[in-house]
Structures are given as structure tokens and as C-alpha cells.
């Protein structure tokens, strides 16, 4: 796994950050629509919860995350909106 220094370097490199976000986004965007919709978000949240031994998120948990990321309020998450989440996750990891 990446060291905090490696993660900080990624955060400074817009191209690298984009590539990481795009790869993660494409893995979640099952129907290849170019957007992550509520069912796709639910699937990834349930998968992550299972991987770390937590209960699956409720429908309201999924809607809360969607609402938080969906800054233009179109009911789905674009790559740019998703990139904000990836940046936040990486910043948390860099500061551990």
C-alpha cells in the first residue's frame, strides 16, 4: 500500500489523481453511462462494507452519500463529482 509521502505526491499530480479517480469510477459505473447512479453507488457501498466487515448501508445512507457528492443535483454522480471523494479519501490517508 502507498506511503503518506506517495499519497501526497499523487494529490499534487492532477493527472495521476485523475487516472486513479477514473479507474475507480469506471469500476463502479457498471452500465458505462459515464455517471454513477443510485443502484451503482449502493452496490459499491455494500461491497466496501462487506470487505471491511460492516453491515450493508441502508437506503437512506446511500441517498445521503449521493446527495453529498451530487453537487449539481442531477441525481447521479459525474467523474468530476467523484474525483472530490477520491481526493478527500487520499487526503485522509495521507494524514494518518
C-alpha atoms as a PDB file:
ATOM      1  CA  UNK A   1       0.000   0.000   0.000  1.00  0.00           C
ATOM      2  CA  UNK A   2       1.089   3.583  -0.615  1.00  0.00           C
ATOM      3  CA  UNK A   3       3.008   5.588   1.971  1.00  0.00           C
ATOM      4  CA  UNK A   4       1.722   9.009   3.109  1.00  0.00           C
ATOM      5  CA  UNK A   5       4.520  10.602   1.032  1.00  0.00           C
ATOM      6  CA  UNK A   6       3.414   8.713  -2.104  1.00  0.00           C
ATOM      7  CA  UNK A   7      -0.191   9.733  -1.492  1.00  0.00           C
ATOM      8  CA  UNK A   8       0.813  13.397  -1.063  1.00  0.00           C
ATOM      9  CA  UNK A   9       2.681  13.189  -4.396  1.00  0.00           C
ATOM     10  CA  UNK A  10      -0.484  11.833  -6.062  1.00  0.00           C
ATOM     11  CA  UNK A  11      -2.536  14.685  -4.588  1.00  0.00           C
ATOM     12  CA  UNK A  12      -0.096  17.202  -6.131  1.00  0.00           C
ATOM     13  CA  UNK A  13      -0.235  15.474  -9.547  1.00  0.00           C
ATOM     14  CA  UNK A  14      -3.578  16.330 -11.176  1.00  0.00           C
ATOM     15  CA  UNK A  15      -3.035  13.802 -13.997  1.00  0.00           C
ATOM     16  CA  UNK A  16      -2.275  10.933 -11.597  1.00  0.00           C
ATOM     17  CA  UNK A  17      -5.233  11.876  -9.401  1.00  0.00           C
ATOM     18  CA  UNK A  18      -7.481  11.928 -12.478  1.00  0.00           C
ATOM     19  CA  UNK A  19      -6.234   8.491 -13.589  1.00  0.00           C
ATOM     20  CA  UNK A  20      -6.880   6.970 -10.148  1.00  0.00           C
ATOM     21  CA  UNK A  21     -10.337   8.553  -9.916  1.00  0.00           C
ATOM     22  CA  UNK A  22     -11.200   7.454 -13.477  1.00  0.00           C
ATOM     23  CA  UNK A  23     -10.156   3.841 -12.823  1.00  0.00           C
ATOM     24  CA  UNK A  24     -12.232   3.710  -9.626  1.00  0.00           C
ATOM     25  CA  UNK A  25     -15.155   5.469 -11.347  1.00  0.00           C
ATOM     26  CA  UNK A  26     -15.126   3.047 -14.284  1.00  0.00           C
ATOM     27  CA  UNK A  27     -15.136   0.101 -11.880  1.00  0.00           C
ATOM     28  CA  UNK A  28     -18.335   1.454 -10.267  1.00  0.00           C
ATOM     29  CA  UNK A  29     -20.047   2.709 -13.466  1.00  0.00           C
ATOM     30  CA  UNK A  30     -21.316  -0.774 -14.390  1.00  0.00           C
ATOM     31  CA  UNK A  31     -23.547   0.323 -17.273  1.00  0.00           C
ATOM     32  CA  UNK A  32     -20.809   2.598 -18.718  1.00  0.00           C
ATOM     33  CA  UNK A  33     -23.215   5.567 -18.790  1.00  0.00           C
ATOM     34  CA  UNK A  34     -20.490   7.988 -17.723  1.00  0.00           C
ATOM     35  CA  UNK A  35     -22.339   8.536 -14.436  1.00  0.00           C
ATOM     36  CA  UNK A  36     -22.749   6.656 -11.163  1.00  0.00           C
ATOM     37  CA  UNK A  37     -26.431   6.307 -10.310  1.00  0.00           C
ATOM     38  CA  UNK A  38     -28.032   5.249  -7.036  1.00  0.00           C
ATOM     39  CA  UNK A  39     -28.041   1.464  -7.718  1.00  0.00           C
ATOM     40  CA  UNK A  40     -24.347   1.556  -8.727  1.00  0.00           C
ATOM     41  CA  UNK A  41     -23.489   3.598  -5.643  1.00  0.00           C
ATOM     42  CA  UNK A  42     -25.452   1.167  -3.439  1.00  0.00           C
ATOM     43  CA  UNK A  43     -23.566  -1.777  -4.951  1.00  0.00           C
ATOM     44  CA  UNK A  44     -20.122  -0.287  -4.286  1.00  0.00           C
ATOM     45  CA  UNK A  45     -21.069   0.858  -0.773  1.00  0.00           C
ATOM     46  CA  UNK A  46     -22.372  -2.644   0.065  1.00  0.00           C
ATOM     47  CA  UNK A  47     -19.240  -4.213  -1.409  1.00  0.00           C
ATOM     48  CA  UNK A  48     -16.913  -1.958   0.609  1.00  0.00           C
ATOM     49  CA  UNK A  49     -18.969  -2.517   3.781  1.00  0.00           C
ATOM     50  CA  UNK A  50     -18.706  -6.279   3.263  1.00  0.00           C
ATOM     51  CA  UNK A  51     -14.954  -6.070   2.663  1.00  0.00           C
ATOM     52  CA  UNK A  52     -14.394  -4.287   5.974  1.00  0.00           C
ATOM     53  CA  UNK A  53     -16.902  -6.380   7.927  1.00  0.00           C
ATOM     54  CA  UNK A  54     -19.586  -3.732   8.396  1.00  0.00           C
ATOM     55  CA  UNK A  55     -23.342  -4.012   7.898  1.00  0.00           C
ATOM     56  CA  UNK A  56     -24.643  -3.038   4.483  1.00  0.00           C
ATOM     57  CA  UNK A  57     -25.671   0.613   4.236  1.00  0.00           C
ATOM     58  CA  UNK A  58     -29.375   1.476   4.447  1.00  0.00           C
ATOM     59  CA  UNK A  59     -31.195   3.125   1.546  1.00  0.00           C
ATOM     60  CA  UNK A  60     -31.014   6.420   3.416  1.00  0.00           C
ATOM     61  CA  UNK A  61     -27.223   6.003   3.859  1.00  0.00           C
ATOM     62  CA  UNK A  62     -26.875   5.575   0.088  1.00  0.00           C
ATOM     63  CA  UNK A  63     -29.127   8.578  -0.607  1.00  0.00           C
ATOM     64  CA  UNK A  64     -27.129  10.706   1.878  1.00  0.00           C
ATOM     65  CA  UNK A  65     -23.849   9.894   0.098  1.00  0.00           C
ATOM     66  CA  UNK A  66     -25.436  10.533  -3.300  1.00  0.00           C
ATOM     67  CA  UNK A  67     -26.803  13.878  -2.071  1.00  0.00           C
ATOM     68  CA  UNK A  68     -23.404  14.857  -0.683  1.00  0.00           C
ATOM     69  CA  UNK A  69     -21.477  14.053  -3.881  1.00  0.00           C
ATOM     70  CA  UNK A  70     -24.100  15.174  -6.413  1.00  0.00           C
ATOM     71  CA  UNK A  71     -23.266  18.882  -6.304  1.00  0.00           C
ATOM     72  CA  UNK A  72     -25.209  19.789  -9.472  1.00  0.00           C
ATOM     73  CA  UNK A  73     -28.294  17.904  -8.175  1.00  0.00           C
ATOM     74  CA  UNK A  74     -28.958  15.826 -11.309  1.00  0.00           C
ATOM     75  CA  UNK A  75     -29.469  12.640  -9.278  1.00  0.00           C
ATOM     76  CA  UNK A  76     -26.234  10.993 -10.377  1.00  0.00           C
ATOM     77  CA  UNK A  77     -22.501  11.350  -9.814  1.00  0.00           C
ATOM     78  CA  UNK A  78     -20.206  12.566 -12.584  1.00  0.00           C
ATOM     79  CA  UNK A  79     -16.475  11.831 -12.760  1.00  0.00           C
ATOM     80  CA  UNK A  80     -15.706  15.385 -11.556  1.00  0.00           C
ATOM     81  CA  UNK A  81     -18.022  14.938  -8.566  1.00  0.00           C
ATOM     82  CA  UNK A  82     -16.483  11.516  -7.830  1.00  0.00           C
ATOM     83  CA  UNK A  83     -12.968  12.973  -8.015  1.00  0.00           C
ATOM     84  CA  UNK A  84     -13.824  15.174  -4.999  1.00  0.00           C
ATOM     85  CA  UNK A  85     -14.494  11.995  -2.971  1.00  0.00           C
ATOM     86  CA  UNK A  86     -11.249  10.340  -4.130  1.00  0.00           C
ATOM     87  CA  UNK A  87      -9.298  13.482  -3.200  1.00  0.00           C
ATOM     88  CA  UNK A  88     -10.908  13.514   0.288  1.00  0.00           C
ATOM     89  CA  UNK A  89     -10.127   9.815   0.832  1.00  0.00           C
ATOM     90  CA  UNK A  90      -6.497  10.294  -0.272  1.00  0.00           C
ATOM     91  CA  UNK A  91      -6.121  13.361   1.971  1.00  0.00           C
ATOM     92  CA  UNK A  92      -7.360  11.305   4.953  1.00  0.00           C
ATOM     93  CA  UNK A  93      -4.894   8.516   4.087  1.00  0.00           C
ATOM     94  CA  UNK A  94      -2.017  10.986   3.681  1.00  0.00           C
ATOM     95  CA  UNK A  95      -2.609  12.400   7.135  1.00  0.00           C
ATOM     96  CA  UNK A  96      -2.695   9.120   9.047  1.00  0.00           C
END
